[in-house]
PDB file of N, CA and C in Angstrom:
ATOM      1  N   MET A   1     -19.575  97.340  -3.269  1.00  0.00           N
ATOM      2  CA  MET A   1     -19.890  96.165  -4.052  1.00  0.00           C
ATOM      3  C   MET A   1     -19.782  94.898  -3.203  1.00  0.00           C
ATOM      4  N   ARG A   2     -18.710  94.807  -2.394  1.00  0.00           N
ATOM      5  CA  ARG A   2     -18.478  93.623  -1.579  1.00  0.00           C
ATOM      6  C   ARG A   2     -19.562  93.459  -0.520  1.00  0.00           C
ATOM      7  N   SER A   3     -19.990  94.558   0.109  1.00  0.00           N
ATOM      8  CA  SER A   3     -21.033  94.464   1.135  1.00  0.00           C
ATOM      9  C   SER A   3     -22.375  94.094   0.509  1.00  0.00           C
ATOM     10  N   THR A   4     -22.630  94.521  -0.705  1.00  0.00           N
ATOM     11  CA  THR A   4     -23.869  94.151  -1.394  1.00  0.00           C
ATOM     12  C   THR A   4     -23.882  92.653  -1.673  1.00  0.00           C
ATOM     13  N   HIS A   5     -22.749  92.120  -2.065  1.00  0.00           N
ATOM     14  CA  HIS A   5     -22.639  90.687  -2.325  1.00  0.00           C
ATOM     15  C   HIS A   5     -22.866  89.896  -1.040  1.00  0.00           C
ATOM     16  N   LEU A   6     -22.289  90.360   0.049  1.00  0.00           N
ATOM     17  CA  LEU A   6     -22.454  89.690   1.334  1.00  0.00           C
ATOM     18  C   LEU A   6     -23.910  89.717   1.784  1.00  0.00           C
ATOM     19  N   ILE A   7     -24.560  90.847   1.650  1.00  0.00           N
ATOM     20  CA  ILE A   7     -25.972  90.972   2.032  1.00  0.00           C
ATOM     21  C   ILE A   7     -26.834  90.064   1.165  1.00  0.00           C
ATOM     22  N   SER A   8     -26.524  89.989  -0.113  1.00  0.00           N
ATOM     23  CA  SER A   8     -27.279  89.108  -1.011  1.00  0.00           C
ATOM     24  C   SER A   8     -27.131  87.649  -0.605  1.00  0.00           C
ATOM     25  N   CYS A   9     -25.920  87.243  -0.278  1.00  0.00           N
ATOM     26  CA  CYS A   9     -25.676  85.856   0.123  1.00  0.00           C
ATOM     27  C   CYS A   9     -26.373  85.517   1.439  1.00  0.00           C
ATOM     28  N   VAL A  10     -26.306  86.422   2.390  1.00  0.00           N
ATOM     29  CA  VAL A  10     -26.967  86.192   3.678  1.00  0.00           C
ATOM     30  C   VAL A  10     -28.482  86.132   3.497  1.00  0.00           C
ATOM     31  N   THR A  11     -29.026  87.001   2.664  1.00  0.00           N
ATOM     32  CA  THR A  11     -30.466  86.995   2.396  1.00  0.00           C
ATOM     33  C   THR A  11     -30.886  85.695   1.729  1.00  0.00           C
ATOM     34  N   LEU A  12     -30.125  85.262   0.740  1.00  0.00           N
ATOM     35  CA  LEU A  12     -30.432  84.009   0.050  1.00  0.00           C
ATOM     36  C   LEU A  12     -30.353  82.828   1.012  1.00  0.00           C
ATOM     37  N   ALA A  13     -29.332  82.807   1.841  1.00  0.00           N
ATOM     38  CA  ALA A  13     -29.192  81.719   2.806  1.00  0.00           C
ATOM     39  C   ALA A  13     -30.347  81.701   3.803  1.00  0.00           C
ATOM     40  N   THR A  14     -30.793  82.865   4.234  1.00  0.00           N
ATOM     41  CA  THR A  14     -31.915  82.947   5.166  1.00  0.00           C
ATOM     42  C   THR A  14     -33.194  82.453   4.522  1.00  0.00           C
ATOM     43  N   VAL A  15     -33.439  82.856   3.297  1.00  0.00           N
ATOM     44  CA  VAL A  15     -34.643  82.411   2.590  1.00  0.00           C
ATOM     45  C   VAL A  15     -34.617  80.907   2.399  1.00  0.00           C
ATOM     46  N   LEU A  16     -33.482  80.376   1.989  1.00  0.00           N
ATOM     47  CA  LEU A  16     -33.375  78.927   1.804  1.00  0.00           C
ATOM     48  C   LEU A  16     -33.549  78.174   3.114  1.00  0.00           C
ATOM     49  N   ALA A  17     -33.005  78.716   4.183  1.00  0.00           N
ATOM     50  CA  ALA A  17     -33.122  78.056   5.485  1.00  0.00           C
ATOM     51  C   ALA A  17     -34.570  78.046   5.973  1.00  0.00           C
ATOM     52  N   LEU A  18     -35.295  79.102   5.689  1.00  0.00           N
ATOM     53  CA  LEU A  18     -36.681  79.176   6.153  1.00  0.00           C
ATOM     54  C   LEU A  18     -37.638  78.363   5.295  1.00  0.00           C
ATOM     55  N   THR A  19     -37.293  78.129   4.044  1.00  0.00           N
ATOM     56  CA  THR A  19     -38.208  77.407   3.164  1.00  0.00           C
ATOM     57  C   THR A  19     -37.978  75.907   3.144  1.00  0.00           C
ATOM     58  N   THR A  20     -36.837  75.449   3.633  1.00  0.00           N
ATOM     59  CA  THR A  20     -36.583  74.016   3.651  1.00  0.00           C
ATOM     60  C   THR A  20     -36.905  73.452   5.023  1.00  0.00           C
ATOM     61  N   GLY A  21     -37.260  72.183   5.047  1.00  0.00           N
ATOM     62  CA  GLY A  21     -37.565  71.527   6.306  1.00  0.00           C
ATOM     63  C   GLY A  21     -36.308  71.103   7.026  1.00  0.00           C
ATOM     64  N   ALA A  22     -36.444  70.795   8.285  1.00  0.00           N
ATOM     65  CA  ALA A  22     -35.294  70.383   9.089  1.00  0.00           C
ATOM     66  C   ALA A  22     -34.749  69.036   8.629  1.00  0.00           C
ATOM     67  N   ALA A  23     -35.626  68.174   8.129  1.00  0.00           N
ATOM     68  CA  ALA A  23     -35.178  66.852   7.699  1.00  0.00           C
ATOM     69  C   ALA A  23     -34.280  66.923   6.477  1.00  0.00           C
ATOM     70  N   SER A  24     -34.462  67.925   5.636  1.00  0.00           N
ATOM     71  CA  SER A  24     -33.650  68.012   4.434  1.00  0.00           C
ATOM     72  C   SER A  24     -32.262  68.577   4.711  1.00  0.00           C
ATOM     73  N   ALA A  25     -32.012  69.039   5.909  1.00  0.00           N
ATOM     74  CA  ALA A  25     -30.704  69.603   6.244  1.00  0.00           C
ATOM     75  C   ALA A  25     -29.721  68.532   6.687  1.00  0.00           C
ATOM     76  N   LYS A  26     -30.154  67.303   6.804  1.00  0.00           N
ATOM     77  CA  LYS A  26     -29.276  66.244   7.283  1.00  0.00           C
ATOM     78  C   LYS A  26     -28.127  66.040   6.299  1.00  0.00           C
ATOM     79  N   GLY A  27     -26.938  66.214   6.767  1.00  0.00           N
ATOM     80  CA  GLY A  27     -25.754  66.076   5.935  1.00  0.00           C
ATOM     81  C   GLY A  27     -25.351  67.361   5.244  1.00  0.00           C
ATOM     82  N   CYS A  28     -26.296  68.234   5.009  1.00  0.00           N
ATOM     83  CA  CYS A  28     -26.019  69.465   4.276  1.00  0.00           C
ATOM     84  C   CYS A  28     -25.179  70.429   5.100  1.00  0.00           C
ATOM     85  N   LEU A  29     -25.491  70.574   6.364  1.00  0.00           N
ATOM     86  CA  LEU A  29     -24.781  71.552   7.181  1.00  0.00           C
ATOM     87  C   LEU A  29     -23.311  71.202   7.343  1.00  0.00           C
ATOM     88  N   LYS A  30     -23.027  69.944   7.633  1.00  0.00           N
ATOM     89  CA  LYS A  30     -21.643  69.521   7.795  1.00  0.00           C
ATOM     90  C   LYS A  30     -20.895  69.645   6.464  1.00  0.00           C
ATOM     91  N   GLY A  31     -21.537  69.219   5.386  1.00  0.00           N
ATOM     92  CA  GLY A  31     -20.913  69.315   4.069  1.00  0.00           C
ATOM     93  C   GLY A  31     -20.684  70.746   3.646  1.00  0.00           C
ATOM     94  N   ALA A  32     -21.635  71.619   3.965  1.00  0.00           N
ATOM     95  CA  ALA A  32     -21.494  73.031   3.607  1.00  0.00           C
ATOM     96  C   ALA A  32     -20.348  73.673   4.367  1.00  0.00           C
ATOM     97  N   ALA A  33     -20.189  73.327   5.625  1.00  0.00           N
ATOM     98  CA  ALA A  33     -19.094  73.893   6.416  1.00  0.00           C
ATOM     99  C   ALA A  33     -17.741  73.454   5.864  1.00  0.00           C
ATOM    100  N   VAL A  34     -17.619  72.180   5.567  1.00  0.00           N
ATOM    101  CA  VAL A  34     -16.365  71.671   5.017  1.00  0.00           C
ATOM    102  C   VAL A  34     -16.122  72.260   3.626  1.00  0.00           C
ATOM    103  N   GLY A  35     -17.169  72.326   2.807  1.00  0.00           N
ATOM    104  CA  GLY A  35     -17.028  72.880   1.464  1.00  0.00           C
ATOM    105  C   GLY A  35     -16.668  74.353   1.464  1.00  0.00           C
ATOM    106  N   ALA A  36     -17.216  75.101   2.414  1.00  0.00           N
ATOM    107  CA  ALA A  36     -16.909  76.533   2.497  1.00  0.00           C
ATOM    108  C   ALA A  36     -15.450  76.752   2.848  1.00  0.00           C
ATOM    109  N   VAL A  37     -14.936  75.976   3.777  1.00  0.00           N
ATOM    110  CA  VAL A  37     -13.523  76.099   4.143  1.00  0.00           C
ATOM    111  C   VAL A  37     -12.636  75.695   2.967  1.00  0.00           C
ATOM    112  N   ALA A  38     -12.973  74.588   2.331  1.00  0.00           N
ATOM    113  CA  ALA A  38     -12.174  74.137   1.186  1.00  0.00           C
ATOM    114  C   ALA A  38     -12.240  75.149   0.046  1.00  0.00           C
ATOM    115  N   GLY A  39     -13.417  75.703  -0.201  1.00  0.00           N
ATOM    116  CA  GLY A  39     -13.551  76.705  -1.257  1.00  0.00           C
ATOM    117  C   GLY A  39     -12.784  77.974  -0.950  1.00  0.00           C
ATOM    118  N   HIS A  40     -12.769  78.352   0.300  1.00  0.00           N
ATOM    119  CA  HIS A  40     -12.033  79.551   0.695  1.00  0.00           C
ATOM    120  C   HIS A  40     -10.528  79.349   0.500  1.00  0.00           C
ATOM    121  N   VAL A  41     -10.043  78.200   0.913  1.00  0.00           N
ATOM    122  CA  VAL A  41      -8.625  77.905   0.775  1.00  0.00           C
ATOM    123  C   VAL A  41      -8.242  77.777  -0.707  1.00  0.00           C
ATOM    124  N   ALA A  42      -9.149  77.245  -1.511  1.00  0.00           N
ATOM    125  CA  ALA A  42      -8.849  77.013  -2.931  1.00  0.00           C
ATOM    126  C   ALA A  42      -8.891  78.282  -3.768  1.00  0.00           C
ATOM    127  N   GLY A  43      -9.279  79.392  -3.205  1.00  0.00           N
ATOM    128  CA  GLY A  43      -9.253  80.615  -3.999  1.00  0.00           C
ATOM    129  C   GLY A  43     -10.426  81.527  -3.733  1.00  0.00           C
ATOM    130  N   HIS A  44     -10.835  81.625  -2.507  1.00  0.00           N
ATOM    131  CA  HIS A  44     -11.909  82.536  -2.090  1.00  0.00           C
ATOM    132  C   HIS A  44     -13.239  82.239  -2.796  1.00  0.00           C
ATOM    133  N   HIS A  45     -13.579  80.982  -2.879  1.00  0.00           N
ATOM    134  CA  HIS A  45     -14.857  80.558  -3.445  1.00  0.00           C
ATOM    135  C   HIS A  45     -15.681  79.865  -2.356  1.00  0.00           C
ATOM    136  N   SER A  46     -15.856  80.532  -1.233  1.00  0.00           N
ATOM    137  CA  SER A  46     -16.527  79.932  -0.074  1.00  0.00           C
ATOM    138  C   SER A  46     -17.964  79.553  -0.367  1.00  0.00           C
ATOM    139  N   VAL A  47     -18.694  80.433  -1.047  1.00  0.00           N
ATOM    140  CA  VAL A  47     -20.116  80.165  -1.316  1.00  0.00           C
ATOM    141  C   VAL A  47     -20.260  78.983  -2.263  1.00  0.00           C
ATOM    142  N   LEU A  48     -19.454  78.958  -3.301  1.00  0.00           N
ATOM    143  CA  LEU A  48     -19.493  77.846  -4.236  1.00  0.00           C
ATOM    144  C   LEU A  48     -19.114  76.533  -3.542  1.00  0.00           C
ATOM    145  N   GLY A  49     -18.115  76.591  -2.680  1.00  0.00           N
ATOM    146  CA  GLY A  49     -17.723  75.406  -1.928  1.00  0.00           C
ATOM    147  C   GLY A  49     -18.811  74.950  -0.967  1.00  0.00           C
ATOM    148  N   ALA A  50     -19.508  75.895  -0.352  1.00  0.00           N
ATOM    149  CA  ALA A  50     -20.590  75.548   0.568  1.00  0.00           C
ATOM    150  C   ALA A  50     -21.746  74.871  -0.163  1.00  0.00           C
ATOM    151  N   VAL A  51     -22.070  75.369  -1.336  1.00  0.00           N
ATOM    152  CA  VAL A  51     -23.152  74.760  -2.126  1.00  0.00           C
ATOM    153  C   VAL A  51     -22.759  73.346  -2.545  1.00  0.00           C
ATOM    154  N   GLY A  52     -21.548  73.199  -3.053  1.00  0.00           N
ATOM    155  CA  GLY A  52     -21.078  71.872  -3.446  1.00  0.00           C
ATOM    156  C   GLY A  52     -20.996  70.922  -2.268  1.00  0.00           C
ATOM    157  N   GLY A  53     -20.524  71.419  -1.137  1.00  0.00           N
ATOM    158  CA  GLY A  53     -20.446  70.595   0.057  1.00  0.00           C
ATOM    159  C   GLY A  53     -21.805  70.165   0.559  1.00  0.00           C
ATOM    160  N   CYS A  54     -22.771  71.043   0.455  1.00  0.00           N
ATOM    161  CA  CYS A  54     -24.147  70.712   0.857  1.00  0.00           C
ATOM    162  C   CYS A  54     -24.707  69.597  -0.014  1.00  0.00           C
ATOM    163  N   VAL A  55     -24.493  69.707  -1.313  1.00  0.00           N
ATOM    164  CA  VAL A  55     -25.002  68.688  -2.234  1.00  0.00           C
ATOM    165  C   VAL A  55     -24.355  67.338  -1.952  1.00  0.00           C
ATOM    166  N   VAL A  56     -23.043  67.331  -1.787  1.00  0.00           N
ATOM    167  CA  VAL A  56     -22.332  66.078  -1.523  1.00  0.00           C
ATOM    168  C   VAL A  56     -22.717  65.516  -0.154  1.00  0.00           C
ATOM    169  N   GLY A  57     -22.800  66.376   0.850  1.00  0.00           N
ATOM    170  CA  GLY A  57     -23.185  65.920   2.183  1.00  0.00           C
ATOM    171  C   GLY A  57     -24.581  65.338   2.215  1.00  0.00           C
ATOM    172  N   ARG A  58     -25.487  65.951   1.494  1.00  0.00           N
ATOM    173  CA  ARG A  58     -26.869  65.451   1.428  1.00  0.00           C
ATOM    174  C   ARG A  58     -26.908  64.092   0.740  1.00  0.00           C
ATOM    175  N   HIS A  59     -26.145  63.964  -0.344  1.00  0.00           N
ATOM    176  CA  HIS A  59     -26.089  62.692  -1.066  1.00  0.00           C
ATOM    177  C   HIS A  59     -25.547  61.583  -0.173  1.00  0.00           C
ATOM    178  N   MET A  60     -24.478  61.894   0.556  1.00  0.00           N
ATOM    179  CA  MET A  60     -23.882  60.886   1.436  1.00  0.00           C
ATOM    180  C   MET A  60     -24.811  60.519   2.581  1.00  0.00           C
ATOM    181  N   ALA A  61     -25.566  61.483   3.107  1.00  0.00           N
ATOM    182  CA  ALA A  61     -26.514  61.196   4.181  1.00  0.00           C
ATOM    183  C   ALA A  61     -27.638  60.299   3.678  1.00  0.00           C
ATOM    184  N   ASN A  62     -28.122  60.553   2.467  1.00  0.00           N
ATOM    185  CA  ASN A  62     -29.169  59.698   1.889  1.00  0.00           C
ATOM    186  C   ASN A  62     -28.652  58.288   1.649  1.00  0.00           C
ATOM    187  N   LYS A  63     -27.421  58.187   1.154  1.00  0.00           N
ATOM    188  CA  LYS A  63     -26.819  56.880   0.902  1.00  0.00           C
ATOM    189  C   LYS A  63     -26.669  56.096   2.203  1.00  0.00           C
ATOM    190  N   LYS A  64     -26.211  56.768   3.257  1.00  0.00           N
ATOM    191  CA  LYS A  64     -26.048  56.112   4.558  1.00  0.00           C
ATOM    192  C   LYS A  64     -27.395  55.669   5.118  1.00  0.00           C
ATOM    193  N   ALA A  65     -28.416  56.500   4.964  1.00  0.00           N
ATOM    194  CA  ALA A  65     -29.745  56.144   5.471  1.00  0.00           C
ATOM    195  C   ALA A  65     -30.303  54.921   4.739  1.00  0.00           C
ATOM    196  N   LYS A  66     -30.069  54.842   3.434  1.00  0.00           N
ATOM    197  CA  LYS A  66     -30.539  53.675   2.675  1.00  0.00           C
ATOM    198  C   LYS A  66     -29.813  52.411   3.102  1.00  0.00           C
ATOM    199  N   GLU A  67     -28.493  52.525   3.329  1.00  0.00           N
ATOM    200  CA  GLU A  67     -27.716  51.367   3.773  1.00  0.00           C
ATOM    201  C   GLU A  67     -28.176  50.895   5.149  1.00  0.00           C
ATOM    202  N   GLU A  68     -28.434  51.830   6.056  1.00  0.00           N
ATOM    203  CA  GLU A  68     -28.899  51.460   7.393  1.00  0.00           C
ATOM    204  C   GLU A  68     -30.281  50.826   7.335  1.00  0.00           C
ATOM    205  N   ALA A  69     -31.134  51.332   6.460  1.00  0.00           N
ATOM    206  CA  ALA A  69     -32.475  50.758   6.330  1.00  0.00           C
ATOM    207  C   ALA A  69     -32.411  49.347   5.764  1.00  0.00           C
ATOM    208  N   SER A  70     -31.525  49.117   4.794  1.00  0.00           N
ATOM    209  CA  SER A  70     -31.413  47.775   4.229  1.00  0.00           C
ATOM    210  C   SER A  70     -30.794  46.806   5.233  1.00  0.00           C
ATOM    211  N   GLN A  71     -29.844  47.272   6.047  1.00  0.00           N
ATOM    212  CA  GLN A  71     -29.264  46.418   7.071  1.00  0.00           C
ATOM    213  C   GLN A  71     -30.288  46.080   8.145  1.00  0.00           C
ATOM    214  N   LYS A  72     -31.090  47.070   8.506  1.00  0.00           N
ATOM    215  CA  LYS A  72     -32.111  46.831   9.531  1.00  0.00           C
ATOM    216  C   LYS A  72     -33.150  45.834   9.029  1.00  0.00           C
ATOM    217  N   SER A  73     -33.550  45.934   7.772  1.00  0.00           N
ATOM    218  CA  SER A  73     -34.543  45.014   7.241  1.00  0.00           C
ATOM    219  C   SER A  73     -33.964  43.612   7.064  1.00  0.00           C
ATOM    220  N   SER A  74     -32.668  43.503   6.737  1.00  0.00           N
ATOM    221  CA  SER A  74     -32.066  42.181   6.584  1.00  0.00           C
ATOM    222  C   SER A  74     -31.865  41.508   7.942  1.00  0.00           C
ATOM    223  N   VAL A  75     -31.625  42.273   8.986  1.00  0.00           N
ATOM    224  CA  VAL A  75     -31.459  41.706  10.325  1.00  0.00           C
ATOM    225  C   VAL A  75     -32.793  41.190  10.839  1.00  0.00           C
ATOM    226  N   THR A  76     -33.865  41.907  10.603  1.00  0.00           N
ATOM    227  CA  THR A  76     -35.175  41.479  11.097  1.00  0.00           C
ATOM    228  C   THR A  76     -35.738  40.312  10.301  1.00  0.00           C
ATOM    229  N   SER A  77     -35.271  40.097   9.059  1.00  0.00           N
ATOM    230  CA  SER A  77     -35.806  39.004   8.258  1.00  0.00           C
ATOM    231  C   SER A  77     -35.068  37.693   8.481  1.00  0.00           C
ATOM    232  N   GLN A  78     -33.907  37.712   9.147  1.00  0.00           N
ATOM    233  CA  GLN A  78     -33.156  36.481   9.406  1.00  0.00           C
ATOM    234  C   GLN A  78     -33.767  35.733  10.586  1.00  0.00           C
ATOM    235  N   PRO A  79     -33.827  34.406  10.504  1.00  0.00           N
ATOM    236  CA  PRO A  79     -34.337  33.626  11.651  1.00  0.00           C
ATOM    237  C   PRO A  79     -33.357  33.700  12.810  1.00  0.00           C
ATOM    238  N   HIS A  80     -33.877  33.529  13.994  1.00  0.00           N
ATOM    239  CA  HIS A  80     -33.046  33.593  15.199  1.00  0.00           C
ATOM    240  C   HIS A  80     -32.278  32.290  15.366  1.00  0.00           C
ATOM    241  N   ALA A  81     -30.970  32.376  15.488  1.00  0.00           N
ATOM    242  CA  ALA A  81     -30.122  31.213  15.647  1.00  0.00           C
ATOM    243  C   ALA A  81     -30.302  30.575  17.017  1.00  0.00           C
ATOM    244  N   ALA A  82     -30.643  31.350  18.018  1.00  0.00           N
ATOM    245  CA  ALA A  82     -30.797  30.814  19.375  1.00  0.00           C
ATOM    246  C   ALA A  82     -31.974  29.855  19.457  1.00  0.00           C
ATOM    247  N   SER A  83     -33.049  30.131  18.735  1.00  0.00           N
ATOM    248  CA  SER A  83     -34.198  29.239  18.798  1.00  0.00           C
ATOM    249  C   SER A  83     -33.901  27.926  18.070  1.00  0.00           C
ATOM    250  N   ASP A  84     -33.038  27.947  17.045  1.00  0.00           N
ATOM    251  CA  ASP A  84     -32.651  26.725  16.347  1.00  0.00           C
ATOM    252  C   ASP A  84     -31.758  25.860  17.223  1.00  0.00           C
ATOM    253  N   ALA A  85     -30.931  26.463  18.062  1.00  0.00           N
ATOM    254  CA  ALA A  85     -30.017  25.714  18.912  1.00  0.00           C
ATOM    255  C   ALA A  85     -30.774  24.940  19.990  1.00  0.00           C
ATOM    256  N   ASN A  86     -31.943  25.419  20.389  1.00  0.00           N
ATOM    257  CA  ASN A  86     -32.727  24.741  21.424  1.00  0.00           C
ATOM    258  C   ASN A  86     -33.437  23.494  20.906  1.00  0.00           C
ATOM    259  N   HIS A  87     -33.527  23.323  19.599  1.00  0.00           N
ATOM    260  CA  HIS A  87     -34.231  22.185  19.015  1.00  0.00           C
ATOM    261  C   HIS A  87     -33.306  21.040  18.659  1.00  0.00           C
ATOM    262  N   VAL A  88     -32.106  21.011  19.157  1.00  0.00           N
ATOM    263  CA  VAL A  88     -31.133  19.980  18.810  1.00  0.00           C
ATOM    264  C   VAL A  88     -31.432  18.695  19.487  1.00  0.00           C
TER     265      VAL A  88
END
């Protein structure tokens, strides 16, 4: 029974890895690794922890990307202070 469960999980993980793009894995891999360890320690729920960690890691990566994009756009929209100093 245990080996069947392991084979099922590995098969599912392989299918998911092959069907998703590389860009969608950003944050998921790190979160899944941390979640799997936490799930294992919390009571042998490694797969559940990996799934939860992937979701949280992906969310945090998207949030960080949005913050960086907004910071980059706000920096480019500000006038240059050096050019104002030359007009004194």
